[in-house]
Amino acid sequence: MKKSKIFYHIHKNGVHDDKWQIGSVLETTKNEFTKFSFNYAPYLDIYDQTNVPLINAIEHAQQIRDVLGQINLLSEAKSCINEYQILIRELAFEDIRKKEFQNLPSRCNCIYLCRSDQIEYWKKRLGFQNYVVYKIEIYNEPFKSRDKLLPNSHESYNSICEKAKVYWQYNNSKNFEDDEYLYEGKFKILGNN
């Protein structure tokens, strides 16, 4: 094995907690972020119906007479749009990676890491309420890029693809607070922070 390096991972509680134990050696697979995006299907409870597909609820929006029901529908629609924008971004990034940067780790299959001096930035950025920060030992070189290189949610697909190329070409030895490290391979959980 190559010389190991130490990084940190912000782990959302409730996701494979049985595997995430100090001393465990794990290997990256399709990450939970990607699994969620690929399986996202928005449903809503309206009136006396449960699990109504969001698109059906929107079609009946005019029937919703109470303000709270309208606010709930708008909130769900906003969440739905956000999730699909993230999915479009990730599909575009993966498509560009496969075509032009096959040697780099997949955002779909990696574990996201950070340095110790970035932990506070990433805790705020991710917005998790229930998490553990793990100290991780990795054995291969991670790919380093920056969070600020990700496109805005309102951008066109073509713009997203162009920004994906910039993201995957990133090569800067200087450290920034928003650096993100993508890692594929085996890693060991050394402890929690």
N, C-alpha and C. Protein backbone atom coordinates (compact mmCIF):
# COMPACT_ATOMS: atom_id res chain seq x y z
N MET A 1 0.83 -1.19 0.00
CA MET A 1 0.00 0.00 0.00
C MET A 1 0.87 1.25 0.00
N LYS A 2 0.34 2.32 -0.56
CA LYS A 2 1.04 3.60 -0.55
C LYS A 2 0.98 4.17 0.85
N LYS A 3 1.77 5.21 1.08
CA LYS A 3 1.78 5.86 2.38
C LYS A 3 0.40 6.43 2.69
N SER A 4 -0.06 6.20 3.89
CA SER A 4 -1.40 6.65 4.27
C SER A 4 -1.40 8.13 4.61
N LYS A 5 -2.58 8.73 4.53
CA LYS A 5 -2.79 10.13 4.87
C LYS A 5 -4.01 10.22 5.78
N ILE A 6 -4.07 11.29 6.55
CA ILE A 6 -5.17 11.49 7.48
C ILE A 6 -6.08 12.60 6.97
N PHE A 7 -7.39 12.32 6.96
CA PHE A 7 -8.42 13.29 6.61
C PHE A 7 -9.58 13.12 7.58
N TYR A 8 -10.61 13.91 7.36
CA TYR A 8 -11.80 13.85 8.20
C TYR A 8 -13.03 13.72 7.32
N HIS A 9 -14.03 13.00 7.85
CA HIS A 9 -15.29 12.80 7.13
C HIS A 9 -16.44 13.15 8.07
N ILE A 10 -17.37 13.97 7.59
CA ILE A 10 -18.55 14.32 8.37
C ILE A 10 -19.64 13.31 8.00
N HIS A 11 -19.90 12.43 8.93
CA HIS A 11 -20.81 11.30 8.72
C HIS A 11 -22.18 11.61 9.31
N LYS A 12 -23.19 11.52 8.47
CA LYS A 12 -24.57 11.73 8.92
C LYS A 12 -25.02 10.52 9.71
N ASN A 13 -25.43 10.73 10.95
CA ASN A 13 -25.91 9.62 11.78
C ASN A 13 -27.13 8.97 11.15
N GLY A 14 -27.23 7.66 11.37
CA GLY A 14 -28.35 6.91 10.84
C GLY A 14 -28.07 6.26 9.49
N VAL A 15 -26.87 6.44 8.98
CA VAL A 15 -26.49 5.87 7.69
C VAL A 15 -25.36 4.87 7.92
N HIS A 16 -25.70 3.61 7.92
CA HIS A 16 -24.71 2.53 8.12
C HIS A 16 -23.90 2.71 9.41
N ASP A 17 -24.55 3.14 10.47
CA ASP A 17 -23.85 3.36 11.72
C ASP A 17 -23.19 2.08 12.24
N ASP A 18 -23.77 0.93 11.92
CA ASP A 18 -23.19 -0.34 12.38
C ASP A 18 -21.82 -0.58 11.77
N LYS A 19 -21.58 -0.08 10.58
CA LYS A 19 -20.29 -0.25 9.91
C LYS A 19 -19.29 0.82 10.34
N TRP A 20 -19.77 1.98 10.67
CA TRP A 20 -18.90 3.11 11.00
C TRP A 20 -18.49 3.03 12.47
N GLN A 21 -17.54 2.13 12.71
CA GLN A 21 -17.02 1.93 14.06
C GLN A 21 -15.51 2.18 14.05
N ILE A 22 -15.00 2.73 15.12
CA ILE A 22 -13.58 3.00 15.23
C ILE A 22 -12.81 1.70 15.05
N GLY A 23 -11.80 1.73 14.18
CA GLY A 23 -10.99 0.57 13.88
C GLY A 23 -11.45 -0.18 12.64
N SER A 24 -12.65 0.10 12.15
CA SER A 24 -13.16 -0.58 10.96
C SER A 24 -12.41 -0.14 9.72
N VAL A 25 -12.17 -1.08 8.81
CA VAL A 25 -11.63 -0.77 7.50
C VAL A 25 -12.77 -0.96 6.51
N LEU A 26 -13.12 0.10 5.81
CA LEU A 26 -14.23 0.09 4.87
C LEU A 26 -13.72 0.41 3.47
N GLU A 27 -14.58 0.18 2.50
CA GLU A 27 -14.24 0.53 1.12
C GLU A 27 -15.40 1.31 0.54
N THR A 28 -15.08 2.32 -0.24
CA THR A 28 -16.12 3.17 -0.81
C THR A 28 -17.00 2.39 -1.78
N THR A 29 -18.27 2.75 -1.79
CA THR A 29 -19.26 2.21 -2.72
C THR A 29 -20.14 3.39 -3.12
N LYS A 30 -21.22 3.14 -3.80
CA LYS A 30 -22.14 4.22 -4.15
C LYS A 30 -22.54 4.93 -2.86
N ASN A 31 -22.29 6.23 -2.79
CA ASN A 31 -22.54 6.94 -1.55
C ASN A 31 -24.02 7.25 -1.34
N GLU A 32 -24.37 7.56 -0.10
CA GLU A 32 -25.77 7.77 0.27
C GLU A 32 -26.36 9.00 -0.42
N PHE A 33 -25.54 10.01 -0.65
CA PHE A 33 -25.99 11.21 -1.36
C PHE A 33 -26.51 10.82 -2.74
N THR A 34 -25.75 10.02 -3.45
CA THR A 34 -26.14 9.58 -4.79
C THR A 34 -27.34 8.65 -4.73
N LYS A 35 -27.34 7.71 -3.79
CA LYS A 35 -28.47 6.79 -3.66
C LYS A 35 -29.77 7.57 -3.45
N PHE A 36 -29.72 8.58 -2.58
CA PHE A 36 -30.91 9.38 -2.32
C PHE A 36 -31.37 10.09 -3.59
N SER A 37 -30.43 10.74 -4.28
CA SER A 37 -30.78 11.48 -5.49
C SER A 37 -31.37 10.58 -6.57
N PHE A 38 -30.80 9.40 -6.75
CA PHE A 38 -31.26 8.49 -7.80
C PHE A 38 -32.60 7.84 -7.46
N ASN A 39 -32.95 7.81 -6.19
CA ASN A 39 -34.20 7.18 -5.77
C ASN A 39 -35.24 8.18 -5.30
N TYR A 40 -34.97 9.46 -5.47
CA TYR A 40 -35.88 10.50 -5.00
C TYR A 40 -37.19 10.47 -5.78
N ALA A 41 -38.28 10.42 -5.08
CA ALA A 41 -39.62 10.47 -5.68
C ALA A 41 -40.51 11.25 -4.71
N PRO A 42 -40.86 12.48 -5.05
CA PRO A 42 -41.60 13.33 -4.10
C PRO A 42 -43.08 12.98 -3.99
N TYR A 43 -43.52 12.81 -2.75
CA TYR A 43 -44.92 12.53 -2.43
C TYR A 43 -45.36 13.51 -1.36
N LEU A 44 -46.65 13.69 -1.26
CA LEU A 44 -47.21 14.66 -0.33
C LEU A 44 -48.52 14.11 0.23
N ASP A 45 -48.83 14.46 1.47
CA ASP A 45 -50.12 14.12 2.06
C ASP A 45 -51.02 15.35 1.89
N ILE A 46 -52.15 15.17 1.20
CA ILE A 46 -53.10 16.28 1.06
C ILE A 46 -54.50 15.78 1.40
N TYR A 47 -55.19 16.60 2.14
CA TYR A 47 -56.53 16.27 2.59
C TYR A 47 -56.53 14.90 3.25
N ASP A 48 -57.35 14.01 2.77
CA ASP A 48 -57.44 12.69 3.38
C ASP A 48 -56.61 11.65 2.62
N GLN A 49 -55.79 12.11 1.68
CA GLN A 49 -54.96 11.19 0.89
C GLN A 49 -53.51 11.26 1.36
N THR A 50 -52.86 10.10 1.38
CA THR A 50 -51.45 10.07 1.74
C THR A 50 -50.63 9.58 0.54
N ASN A 51 -49.39 9.98 0.54
CA ASN A 51 -48.44 9.59 -0.51
C ASN A 51 -48.94 9.91 -1.92
N VAL A 52 -49.43 11.10 -2.10
CA VAL A 52 -49.86 11.57 -3.41
C VAL A 52 -48.62 12.08 -4.15
N PRO A 53 -48.35 11.61 -5.37
CA PRO A 53 -47.21 12.16 -6.12
C PRO A 53 -47.32 13.68 -6.18
N LEU A 54 -46.21 14.36 -5.95
CA LEU A 54 -46.21 15.82 -5.87
C LEU A 54 -46.83 16.46 -7.11
N ILE A 55 -46.54 15.91 -8.28
CA ILE A 55 -47.09 16.49 -9.51
C ILE A 55 -48.62 16.45 -9.50
N ASN A 56 -49.21 15.40 -8.94
CA ASN A 56 -50.68 15.32 -8.83
C ASN A 56 -51.21 16.35 -7.85
N ALA A 57 -50.47 16.56 -6.76
CA ALA A 57 -50.89 17.56 -5.78
C ALA A 57 -50.84 18.96 -6.40
N ILE A 58 -49.85 19.24 -7.21
CA ILE A 58 -49.73 20.54 -7.85
C ILE A 58 -50.90 20.77 -8.81
N GLU A 59 -51.30 19.72 -9.53
CA GLU A 59 -52.42 19.84 -10.45
C GLU A 59 -53.72 20.22 -9.74
N HIS A 60 -53.80 19.88 -8.47
CA HIS A 60 -55.00 20.19 -7.68
C HIS A 60 -54.77 21.37 -6.73
N ALA A 61 -53.75 22.15 -6.99
CA ALA A 61 -53.39 23.27 -6.10
C ALA A 61 -54.53 24.26 -5.93
N GLN A 62 -55.30 24.47 -6.96
CA GLN A 62 -56.40 25.44 -6.87
C GLN A 62 -57.45 25.01 -5.85
N GLN A 63 -57.50 23.73 -5.57
CA GLN A 63 -58.48 23.23 -4.59
C GLN A 63 -58.02 23.46 -3.16
N ILE A 64 -56.75 23.77 -2.99
CA ILE A 64 -56.23 23.99 -1.64
C ILE A 64 -56.60 25.40 -1.21
N ARG A 65 -57.49 25.50 -0.27
CA ARG A 65 -58.04 26.80 0.14
C ARG A 65 -57.33 27.38 1.38
N ASP A 66 -56.69 26.54 2.15
CA ASP A 66 -56.06 27.06 3.37
C ASP A 66 -54.62 27.48 3.09
N VAL A 67 -54.19 28.52 3.75
CA VAL A 67 -52.86 29.09 3.54
C VAL A 67 -51.77 28.09 3.92
N LEU A 68 -51.94 27.37 5.00
CA LEU A 68 -50.92 26.40 5.41
C LEU A 68 -50.76 25.29 4.37
N GLY A 69 -51.84 24.85 3.79
CA GLY A 69 -51.76 23.85 2.73
C GLY A 69 -51.02 24.37 1.51
N GLN A 70 -51.26 25.62 1.15
CA GLN A 70 -50.56 26.23 0.02
C GLN A 70 -49.08 26.40 0.31
N ILE A 71 -48.77 26.84 1.52
CA ILE A 71 -47.36 27.01 1.92
C ILE A 71 -46.65 25.66 1.90
N ASN A 72 -47.32 24.63 2.41
CA ASN A 72 -46.74 23.29 2.42
C ASN A 72 -46.47 22.81 1.00
N LEU A 73 -47.42 23.03 0.09
CA LEU A 73 -47.26 22.62 -1.29
C LEU A 73 -46.09 23.35 -1.95
N LEU A 74 -46.00 24.66 -1.72
CA LEU A 74 -44.89 25.44 -2.28
C LEU A 74 -43.54 24.98 -1.72
N SER A 75 -43.51 24.70 -0.44
CA SER A 75 -42.28 24.22 0.19
C SER A 75 -41.85 22.88 -0.39
N GLU A 76 -42.80 21.98 -0.57
CA GLU A 76 -42.49 20.67 -1.16
C GLU A 76 -42.05 20.82 -2.61
N ALA A 77 -42.70 21.71 -3.34
CA ALA A 77 -42.31 21.93 -4.74
C ALA A 77 -40.88 22.49 -4.82
N LYS A 78 -40.55 23.40 -3.92
CA LYS A 78 -39.19 23.96 -3.89
C LYS A 78 -38.18 22.86 -3.58
N SER A 79 -38.47 22.00 -2.62
CA SER A 79 -37.57 20.89 -2.29
C SER A 79 -37.40 19.95 -3.47
N CYS A 80 -38.50 19.69 -4.16
CA CYS A 80 -38.48 18.81 -5.33
C CYS A 80 -37.58 19.40 -6.42
N ILE A 81 -37.76 20.66 -6.72
CA ILE A 81 -36.95 21.32 -7.74
C ILE A 81 -35.48 21.26 -7.34
N ASN A 82 -35.17 21.53 -6.09
CA ASN A 82 -33.80 21.50 -5.60
C ASN A 82 -33.18 20.11 -5.78
N GLU A 83 -33.91 19.07 -5.41
CA GLU A 83 -33.38 17.71 -5.53
C GLU A 83 -33.11 17.34 -6.99
N TYR A 84 -34.01 17.72 -7.87
CA TYR A 84 -33.80 17.40 -9.29
C TYR A 84 -32.66 18.23 -9.89
N GLN A 85 -32.47 19.46 -9.41
CA GLN A 85 -31.34 20.25 -9.88
C GLN A 85 -30.02 19.61 -9.44
N ILE A 86 -29.98 19.09 -8.24
CA ILE A 86 -28.78 18.40 -7.76
C ILE A 86 -28.54 17.15 -8.60
N LEU A 87 -29.60 16.40 -8.87
CA LEU A 87 -29.46 15.18 -9.68
C LEU A 87 -28.93 15.52 -11.08
N ILE A 88 -29.46 16.56 -11.70
CA ILE A 88 -28.98 16.98 -13.02
C ILE A 88 -27.51 17.34 -12.96
N ARG A 89 -27.11 18.07 -11.93
CA ARG A 89 -25.70 18.45 -11.77
C ARG A 89 -24.83 17.21 -11.65
N GLU A 90 -25.23 16.28 -10.79
CA GLU A 90 -24.40 15.11 -10.55
C GLU A 90 -24.32 14.20 -11.79
N LEU A 91 -25.41 14.09 -12.52
CA LEU A 91 -25.38 13.31 -13.76
C LEU A 91 -24.46 13.95 -14.79
N ALA A 92 -24.51 15.27 -14.90
CA ALA A 92 -23.63 15.98 -15.83
C ALA A 92 -22.17 15.83 -15.42
N PHE A 93 -21.88 15.98 -14.14
CA PHE A 93 -20.51 15.84 -13.65
C PHE A 93 -19.99 14.43 -13.90
N GLU A 94 -20.83 13.43 -13.69
CA GLU A 94 -20.41 12.05 -13.90
C GLU A 94 -20.20 11.78 -15.39
N ASP A 95 -21.06 12.33 -16.22
CA ASP A 95 -20.91 12.15 -17.66
C ASP A 95 -19.60 12.75 -18.16
N ILE A 96 -19.29 13.96 -17.74
CA ILE A 96 -18.03 14.61 -18.13
C ILE A 96 -16.83 13.83 -17.58
N ARG A 97 -16.93 13.37 -16.33
CA ARG A 97 -15.83 12.60 -15.75
C ARG A 97 -15.57 11.34 -16.55
N LYS A 98 -16.61 10.61 -16.89
CA LYS A 98 -16.45 9.36 -17.65
C LYS A 98 -15.86 9.60 -19.03
N LYS A 99 -16.24 10.70 -19.65
CA LYS A 99 -15.77 11.00 -21.01
C LYS A 99 -14.34 11.55 -21.03
N GLU A 100 -14.00 12.39 -20.08
CA GLU A 100 -12.74 13.13 -20.17
C GLU A 100 -11.78 12.94 -19.00
N PHE A 101 -12.24 12.41 -17.87
CA PHE A 101 -11.39 12.33 -16.68
C PHE A 101 -11.59 10.99 -15.97
N GLN A 102 -11.54 9.90 -16.73
CA GLN A 102 -11.83 8.58 -16.18
C GLN A 102 -10.93 8.19 -15.01
N ASN A 103 -9.76 8.77 -14.94
CA ASN A 103 -8.81 8.43 -13.88
C ASN A 103 -9.18 9.04 -12.53
N LEU A 104 -10.14 9.95 -12.52
CA LEU A 104 -10.52 10.62 -11.27
C LEU A 104 -11.67 9.87 -10.60
N PRO A 105 -11.77 10.00 -9.27
CA PRO A 105 -12.84 9.30 -8.56
C PRO A 105 -14.22 9.86 -8.90
N SER A 106 -15.20 9.01 -8.89
CA SER A 106 -16.57 9.40 -9.18
C SER A 106 -17.20 10.08 -7.97
N ARG A 107 -17.91 11.17 -8.19
CA ARG A 107 -18.66 11.81 -7.11
C ARG A 107 -19.77 10.90 -6.61
N CYS A 108 -20.18 9.95 -7.44
CA CYS A 108 -21.25 9.01 -7.07
C CYS A 108 -20.75 7.90 -6.16
N ASN A 109 -19.50 7.54 -6.26
CA ASN A 109 -18.97 6.38 -5.54
C ASN A 109 -17.93 6.72 -4.48
N CYS A 110 -17.67 7.97 -4.29
CA CYS A 110 -16.58 8.37 -3.39
C CYS A 110 -17.08 8.63 -1.98
N ILE A 111 -16.13 8.85 -1.12
CA ILE A 111 -16.39 9.41 0.20
C ILE A 111 -15.80 10.82 0.16
N TYR A 112 -16.53 11.76 0.71
CA TYR A 112 -16.07 13.15 0.73
C TYR A 112 -15.28 13.38 2.01
N LEU A 113 -14.11 13.99 1.85
CA LEU A 113 -13.21 14.22 2.97
C LEU A 113 -12.83 15.69 3.07
N CYS A 114 -12.30 16.05 4.23
CA CYS A 114 -11.76 17.40 4.41
C CYS A 114 -10.57 17.34 5.36
N ARG A 115 -9.82 18.43 5.38
CA ARG A 115 -8.71 18.56 6.33
C ARG A 115 -9.26 18.99 7.70
N SER A 116 -8.45 18.90 8.73
CA SER A 116 -8.91 19.27 10.07
C SER A 116 -9.28 20.76 10.15
N ASP A 117 -8.57 21.61 9.39
CA ASP A 117 -8.86 23.04 9.45
C ASP A 117 -10.12 23.43 8.66
N GLN A 118 -10.77 22.48 8.03
CA GLN A 118 -11.99 22.74 7.25
C GLN A 118 -13.25 22.23 7.92
N ILE A 119 -13.13 21.55 9.01
CA ILE A 119 -14.28 20.88 9.62
C ILE A 119 -15.42 21.85 9.89
N GLU A 120 -15.14 22.99 10.48
CA GLU A 120 -16.21 23.94 10.80
C GLU A 120 -16.89 24.45 9.54
N TYR A 121 -16.12 24.74 8.50
CA TYR A 121 -16.71 25.19 7.24
C TYR A 121 -17.70 24.16 6.71
N TRP A 122 -17.26 22.89 6.67
CA TRP A 122 -18.11 21.84 6.08
C TRP A 122 -19.30 21.51 6.97
N LYS A 123 -19.18 21.61 8.28
CA LYS A 123 -20.33 21.38 9.15
C LYS A 123 -21.41 22.42 8.84
N LYS A 124 -21.02 23.67 8.69
CA LYS A 124 -21.99 24.72 8.34
C LYS A 124 -22.55 24.50 6.95
N ARG A 125 -21.69 24.20 6.01
CA ARG A 125 -22.10 24.05 4.60
C ARG A 125 -23.07 22.90 4.41
N LEU A 126 -22.81 21.78 5.08
CA LEU A 126 -23.68 20.60 4.94
C LEU A 126 -24.99 20.76 5.69
N GLY A 127 -24.95 21.47 6.80
CA GLY A 127 -26.17 21.73 7.55
C GLY A 127 -26.77 20.52 8.26
N PHE A 128 -26.00 19.47 8.45
CA PHE A 128 -26.50 18.30 9.16
C PHE A 128 -26.79 18.68 10.61
N GLN A 129 -27.85 18.12 11.15
CA GLN A 129 -28.19 18.34 12.55
C GLN A 129 -27.62 17.23 13.43
N ASN A 130 -27.46 16.06 12.85
CA ASN A 130 -27.07 14.89 13.62
C ASN A 130 -25.93 14.18 12.89
N TYR A 131 -24.71 14.38 13.33
CA TYR A 131 -23.54 13.88 12.61
C TYR A 131 -22.41 13.55 13.58
N VAL A 132 -21.42 12.85 13.06
CA VAL A 132 -20.17 12.57 13.77
C VAL A 132 -19.05 12.89 12.80
N VAL A 133 -18.01 13.55 13.28
CA VAL A 133 -16.83 13.80 12.47
C VAL A 133 -15.83 12.70 12.78
N TYR A 134 -15.47 11.93 11.75
CA TYR A 134 -14.53 10.83 11.92
C TYR A 134 -13.17 11.20 11.36
N LYS A 135 -12.15 10.76 12.07
CA LYS A 135 -10.78 10.85 11.59
C LYS A 135 -10.54 9.59 10.76
N ILE A 136 -10.09 9.79 9.51
CA ILE A 136 -9.99 8.70 8.53
C ILE A 136 -8.55 8.56 8.04
N GLU A 137 -8.09 7.34 7.91
CA GLU A 137 -6.80 7.06 7.28
C GLU A 137 -7.08 6.52 5.88
N ILE A 138 -6.48 7.16 4.87
CA ILE A 138 -6.67 6.71 3.49
C ILE A 138 -5.34 6.24 2.93
N TYR A 139 -5.40 5.43 1.87
CA TYR A 139 -4.19 4.78 1.36
C TYR A 139 -3.84 5.16 -0.08
N ASN A 140 -4.73 5.88 -0.73
CA ASN A 140 -4.46 6.37 -2.08
C ASN A 140 -4.63 7.88 -2.08
N GLU A 141 -4.18 8.50 -3.13
CA GLU A 141 -4.29 9.95 -3.24
C GLU A 141 -5.74 10.36 -3.54
N PRO A 142 -6.30 11.29 -2.75
CA PRO A 142 -7.65 11.76 -3.07
C PRO A 142 -7.59 12.81 -4.18
N PHE A 143 -8.72 13.06 -4.81
CA PHE A 143 -8.82 14.15 -5.78
C PHE A 143 -9.28 15.39 -5.03
N LYS A 144 -8.60 16.49 -5.30
CA LYS A 144 -8.92 17.75 -4.64
C LYS A 144 -9.53 18.73 -5.65
N SER A 145 -10.68 19.28 -5.29
CA SER A 145 -11.27 20.36 -6.07
C SER A 145 -11.86 21.35 -5.07
N ARG A 146 -12.78 22.19 -5.52
CA ARG A 146 -13.34 23.20 -4.61
C ARG A 146 -14.85 23.25 -4.74
N ASP A 147 -15.48 23.47 -3.61
CA ASP A 147 -16.93 23.61 -3.54
C ASP A 147 -17.40 24.79 -4.39
N LYS A 148 -16.62 25.86 -4.41
CA LYS A 148 -17.03 27.07 -5.16
C LYS A 148 -17.07 26.82 -6.67
N LEU A 149 -16.50 25.74 -7.14
CA LEU A 149 -16.53 25.42 -8.57
C LEU A 149 -17.81 24.71 -9.00
N LEU A 150 -18.63 24.31 -8.03
CA LEU A 150 -19.90 23.69 -8.38
C LEU A 150 -20.84 24.76 -8.93
N PRO A 151 -21.62 24.42 -9.95
CA PRO A 151 -22.52 25.41 -10.55
C PRO A 151 -23.68 25.78 -9.63
N ASN A 152 -24.25 26.95 -9.89
CA ASN A 152 -25.46 27.36 -9.18
C ASN A 152 -26.64 26.53 -9.69
N SER A 153 -27.64 26.41 -8.87
CA SER A 153 -28.78 25.55 -9.21
C SER A 153 -29.59 26.06 -10.40
N HIS A 154 -29.52 27.32 -10.72
CA HIS A 154 -30.34 27.87 -11.81
C HIS A 154 -29.66 27.82 -13.18
N GLU A 155 -28.46 27.25 -13.25
CA GLU A 155 -27.72 27.27 -14.51
C GLU A 155 -28.22 26.22 -15.50
N SER A 156 -27.98 26.48 -16.77
CA SER A 156 -28.38 25.56 -17.82
C SER A 156 -27.53 24.29 -17.78
N TYR A 157 -28.02 23.25 -18.42
CA TYR A 157 -27.28 21.99 -18.50
C TYR A 157 -25.92 22.20 -19.18
N ASN A 158 -25.89 22.98 -20.26
CA ASN A 158 -24.63 23.24 -20.97
C ASN A 158 -23.64 23.97 -20.07
N SER A 159 -24.12 24.92 -19.30
CA SER A 159 -23.26 25.64 -18.36
C SER A 159 -22.73 24.69 -17.28
N ILE A 160 -23.59 23.81 -16.80
CA ILE A 160 -23.17 22.83 -15.79
C ILE A 160 -22.05 21.95 -16.34
N CYS A 161 -22.19 21.52 -17.58
CA CYS A 161 -21.15 20.67 -18.21
C CYS A 161 -19.83 21.42 -18.34
N GLU A 162 -19.89 22.68 -18.70
CA GLU A 162 -18.66 23.48 -18.80
C GLU A 162 -18.01 23.65 -17.44
N LYS A 163 -18.81 23.88 -16.42
CA LYS A 163 -18.26 24.02 -15.06
C LYS A 163 -17.72 22.69 -14.55
N ALA A 164 -18.32 21.59 -14.99
CA ALA A 164 -17.81 20.28 -14.61
C ALA A 164 -16.38 20.09 -15.12
N LYS A 165 -16.12 20.54 -16.33
CA LYS A 165 -14.77 20.44 -16.89
C LYS A 165 -13.77 21.22 -16.06
N VAL A 166 -14.16 22.42 -15.63
CA VAL A 166 -13.29 23.24 -14.78
C VAL A 166 -13.06 22.55 -13.45
N TYR A 167 -14.11 22.00 -12.87
CA TYR A 167 -14.03 21.29 -11.59
C TYR A 167 -13.05 20.13 -11.68
N TRP A 168 -13.18 19.30 -12.73
CA TRP A 168 -12.33 18.12 -12.86
C TRP A 168 -10.90 18.46 -13.24
N GLN A 169 -10.67 19.62 -13.84
CA GLN A 169 -9.31 20.04 -14.21
C GLN A 169 -8.58 20.76 -13.09
N TYR A 170 -9.26 20.99 -11.99
CA TYR A 170 -8.68 21.78 -10.90
C TYR A 170 -7.35 21.18 -10.45
N ASN A 171 -6.36 22.05 -10.29
CA ASN A 171 -5.05 21.61 -9.86
C ASN A 171 -4.36 22.79 -9.19
N ASN A 172 -4.48 22.87 -7.87
CA ASN A 172 -3.90 23.97 -7.13
C ASN A 172 -3.38 23.43 -5.81
N SER A 173 -2.14 23.68 -5.51
CA SER A 173 -1.54 23.15 -4.28
C SER A 173 -1.88 24.01 -3.07
N LYS A 174 -2.38 25.22 -3.29
CA LYS A 174 -2.77 26.08 -2.18
C LYS A 174 -4.04 25.54 -1.52
N ASN A 175 -4.13 25.68 -0.20
CA ASN A 175 -5.30 25.20 0.52
C ASN A 175 -6.32 26.31 0.72
N PHE A 176 -7.58 25.99 0.46
CA PHE A 176 -8.69 26.91 0.66
C PHE A 176 -9.70 26.26 1.60
N GLU A 177 -10.47 27.08 2.26
CA GLU A 177 -11.47 26.58 3.21
C GLU A 177 -12.49 25.68 2.53
N ASP A 178 -12.84 25.96 1.27
CA ASP A 178 -13.88 25.20 0.58
C ASP A 178 -13.33 24.04 -0.26
N ASP A 179 -12.06 23.67 -0.07
CA ASP A 179 -11.53 22.50 -0.77
C ASP A 179 -12.39 21.29 -0.41
N GLU A 180 -12.62 20.43 -1.41
CA GLU A 180 -13.27 19.16 -1.13
C GLU A 180 -12.41 18.05 -1.72
N TYR A 181 -12.34 16.96 -0.99
CA TYR A 181 -11.51 15.83 -1.39
C TYR A 181 -12.42 14.65 -1.66
N LEU A 182 -12.27 14.07 -2.84
CA LEU A 182 -13.03 12.89 -3.24
C LEU A 182 -12.08 11.70 -3.17
N TYR A 183 -12.52 10.64 -2.51
CA TYR A 183 -11.65 9.48 -2.34
C TYR A 183 -12.42 8.20 -2.65
N GLU A 184 -11.79 7.33 -3.43
CA GLU A 184 -12.31 5.99 -3.68
C GLU A 184 -11.27 4.98 -3.23
N GLY A 185 -11.71 3.96 -2.55
CA GLY A 185 -10.79 2.92 -2.11
C GLY A 185 -11.03 2.56 -0.65
N LYS A 186 -10.09 1.82 -0.09
CA LYS A 186 -10.19 1.42 1.31
C LYS A 186 -9.76 2.57 2.22
N PHE A 187 -10.39 2.60 3.39
CA PHE A 187 -10.01 3.59 4.41
C PHE A 187 -10.28 3.00 5.79
N LYS A 188 -9.59 3.54 6.77
CA LYS A 188 -9.73 3.05 8.14
C LYS A 188 -10.25 4.19 9.02
N ILE A 189 -11.21 3.84 9.89
CA ILE A 189 -11.75 4.83 10.82
C ILE A 189 -10.87 4.81 12.07
N LEU A 190 -10.21 5.93 12.33
CA LEU A 190 -9.27 6.02 13.44
C LEU A 190 -9.92 6.53 14.71
N GLY A 191 -10.92 7.35 14.59
CA GLY A 191 -11.56 7.90 15.77
C GLY A 191 -12.60 8.94 15.38
N ASN A 192 -13.25 9.50 16.39
CA ASN A 192 -14.17 10.59 16.09
C ASN A 192 -13.69 11.85 16.78
N ASN A 193 -14.07 12.95 16.23
CA ASN A 193 -13.58 14.25 16.66
C ASN A 193 -14.56 14.92 17.58
